């Protein structure tokens, strides 16, 4: 992706679906930084993204809506604590990936989660702000919610 995209300060949504990205392009992540632009919505659906690095997630910390459906994500449980930097994330779409277990209890602001068709056996999430959960066609044997009193 061209680095000049960062200069588009009025851009609020960035959709680059169905390319051949294997990781989240750093330019796309940098565009969500509040001092660079107003991008709060990032769609990377239909790429070949397998993992999200700590550096990339750190750049996405101001993102509110993240669409990663139709990729190759596995999201090992050792990677999900890194999601703590996404404190403003309200919508996460990871359907149609290769996620076996999803533990995103660190996402306290999450309102909508779509994790359908992942063959998941376990789902753990924070229910504090949750309004919509779509988890059909998985193999979940357990779903855990943590809701602080």
Protein backbone atom coordinates (compact mmCIF):
# COMPACT_ATOMS: atom_id res chain seq x y z
CA UNK A 1 0.00 0.00 0.00
CA UNK A 2 1.35 3.46 -0.81
CA UNK A 3 2.68 5.43 2.13
CA UNK A 4 0.91 8.55 0.81
CA UNK A 5 -2.36 7.16 2.21
CA UNK A 6 -1.30 8.44 5.62
CA UNK A 7 -1.72 11.98 4.26
CA UNK A 8 -5.50 11.45 3.82
CA UNK A 9 -6.42 13.09 7.12
CA UNK A 10 -10.19 13.23 6.51
CA UNK A 11 -10.52 9.52 5.71
CA UNK A 12 -12.74 7.73 8.24
CA UNK A 13 -12.92 4.23 6.71
CA UNK A 14 -10.29 2.13 5.03
CA UNK A 15 -11.49 -0.90 3.07
CA UNK A 16 -8.94 -3.00 1.22
CA UNK A 17 -10.66 -6.36 0.95
CA UNK A 18 -9.71 -9.24 -1.34
CA UNK A 19 -6.08 -8.41 -1.92
CA UNK A 20 -3.25 -10.77 -1.12
CA UNK A 21 -2.00 -9.29 2.13
CA UNK A 22 -0.48 -11.89 4.42
CA UNK A 23 -0.13 -9.38 7.27
CA UNK A 24 -1.89 -6.15 8.04
CA UNK A 25 -0.06 -3.47 6.03
CA UNK A 26 1.73 -1.09 8.40
CA UNK A 27 0.44 1.92 6.44
CA UNK A 28 -3.13 0.78 7.07
CA UNK A 29 -2.43 0.40 10.76
CA UNK A 30 -0.69 3.78 10.99
CA UNK A 31 -3.73 5.49 9.47
CA UNK A 32 -5.79 4.63 12.54
CA UNK A 33 -3.52 6.65 14.82
CA UNK A 34 -5.59 9.54 16.16
CA UNK A 35 -2.85 12.08 15.40
CA UNK A 36 -2.56 10.98 11.78
CA UNK A 37 -6.15 10.62 10.56
CA UNK A 38 -9.74 9.91 11.61
CA UNK A 39 -9.79 6.30 10.37
CA UNK A 40 -11.82 4.23 12.84
CA UNK A 41 -13.05 1.51 10.48
CA UNK A 42 -10.59 -0.94 8.93
CA UNK A 43 -11.75 -3.73 6.60
CA UNK A 44 -9.24 -6.33 5.46
CA UNK A 45 -11.74 -9.03 4.55
CA UNK A 46 -10.76 -11.71 2.07
CA UNK A 47 -6.99 -11.45 2.30
CA UNK A 48 -4.52 -14.10 3.45
CA UNK A 49 -3.74 -12.69 6.89
CA UNK A 50 -2.62 -15.42 9.29
CA UNK A 51 -1.41 -13.50 12.35
CA UNK A 52 -1.58 -10.06 13.92
CA UNK A 53 1.74 -8.89 15.34
CA UNK A 54 2.09 -6.83 18.51
CA UNK A 55 3.44 -3.90 16.50
CA UNK A 56 0.48 -3.94 14.14
CA UNK A 57 -2.03 -4.18 16.96
CA UNK A 58 -0.35 -1.29 18.76
CA UNK A 59 -0.84 0.88 15.66
CA UNK A 60 -4.53 -0.09 15.55
CA UNK A 61 -5.25 1.09 19.08
CA UNK A 62 -7.76 3.76 17.99
CA UNK A 63 -9.73 1.47 15.67
CA UNK A 64 -13.38 0.96 16.56
CA UNK A 65 -14.43 -1.45 13.81
CA UNK A 66 -12.11 -4.19 12.58
CA UNK A 67 -13.20 -6.54 9.79
CA UNK A 68 -10.89 -9.54 9.34
CA UNK A 69 -13.39 -12.04 7.93
CA UNK A 70 -12.42 -14.50 5.20
CA UNK A 71 -8.71 -14.58 6.05
CA UNK A 72 -6.45 -17.36 7.38
CA UNK A 73 -6.33 -16.18 11.02
CA UNK A 74 -5.60 -18.75 13.69
CA UNK A 75 -5.23 -16.37 16.71
CA UNK A 76 -3.46 -18.67 19.17
CA UNK A 77 -4.40 -17.99 22.79
CA UNK A 78 -0.83 -16.76 23.35
CA UNK A 79 -1.54 -13.92 20.88
CA UNK A 80 -4.90 -12.73 22.16
CA UNK A 81 -3.63 -10.93 25.32
CA UNK A 82 -1.98 -8.51 22.86
CA UNK A 83 -5.50 -7.31 21.98
CA UNK A 84 -5.49 -5.27 25.20
CA UNK A 85 -4.18 -2.30 23.15
CA UNK A 86 -7.48 -2.26 21.20
CA UNK A 87 -9.27 -0.56 24.09
CA UNK A 88 -11.64 1.37 21.77
CA UNK A 89 -12.65 -1.59 19.61
CA UNK A 90 -16.44 -2.00 19.54
CA UNK A 91 -16.92 -4.28 16.50
CA UNK A 92 -14.84 -7.31 15.57
CA UNK A 93 -15.60 -9.56 12.62
CA UNK A 94 -13.41 -12.67 12.37
CA UNK A 95 -15.87 -15.07 10.73
CA UNK A 96 -14.68 -17.61 8.18
CA UNK A 97 -11.11 -17.96 9.46
CA UNK A 98 -9.25 -20.87 11.09
CA UNK A 99 -9.66 -19.91 14.75
CA UNK A 100 -9.82 -22.88 17.10
CA UNK A 101 -10.00 -20.99 20.40
CA UNK A 102 -10.83 -17.33 20.91
CA UNK A 103 -10.06 -15.58 24.18
CA UNK A 104 -10.74 -11.87 23.93
CA UNK A 105 -11.67 -11.08 27.53
CA UNK A 106 -9.32 -8.09 27.37
CA UNK A 107 -11.72 -6.28 24.95
CA UNK A 108 -13.95 -4.50 27.47
CA UNK A 109 -15.54 -2.11 24.93
CA UNK A 110 -16.51 -4.85 22.48
CA UNK A 111 -20.19 -4.51 21.54
CA UNK A 112 -20.46 -6.80 18.51
CA UNK A 113 -18.55 -9.99 17.76
CA UNK A 114 -19.03 -12.11 14.67
CA UNK A 115 -16.98 -15.30 14.84
CA UNK A 116 -19.13 -17.66 12.79
CA UNK A 117 -17.72 -20.63 10.85
CA UNK A 118 -14.35 -21.01 12.57
CA UNK A 119 -14.51 -24.54 14.05
CA UNK A 120 -13.96 -22.99 17.49
CA UNK A 121 -14.10 -25.26 20.51
CA UNK A 122 -13.81 -22.44 23.06
CA UNK A 123 -14.89 -18.81 23.22
CA UNK A 124 -14.04 -16.49 26.09
CA UNK A 125 -15.11 -12.86 26.08
CA UNK A 126 -15.89 -9.89 28.24
CA UNK A 127 -19.62 -9.28 28.32
CA UNK A 128 -19.49 -5.82 29.87
CA UNK A 129 -20.48 -3.96 26.67
CA UNK A 130 -21.58 -6.87 24.47
CA UNK A 131 -24.79 -6.30 22.49
CA UNK A 132 -24.44 -8.77 19.62
CA UNK A 133 -22.77 -12.18 19.42
CA UNK A 134 -22.82 -14.27 16.26
CA UNK A 135 -21.08 -17.60 16.73
CA UNK A 136 -23.04 -20.08 14.60
CA UNK A 137 -21.49 -23.09 12.87
CA UNK A 138 -18.62 -23.63 15.29
CA UNK A 139 -17.81 -26.61 17.49
CA UNK A 140 -17.98 -24.71 20.76
CA UNK A 141 -18.07 -26.93 23.76
CA UNK A 142 -17.89 -23.96 26.10
CA UNK A 143 -18.55 -20.24 26.01
CA UNK A 144 -17.32 -18.15 28.95
CA UNK A 145 -18.37 -14.60 29.71
CA UNK A 146 -16.67 -12.42 32.26
CA UNK A 147 -18.92 -9.61 33.46
CA UNK A 148 -17.58 -7.50 36.33
CA UNK A 149 -20.11 -6.70 39.04
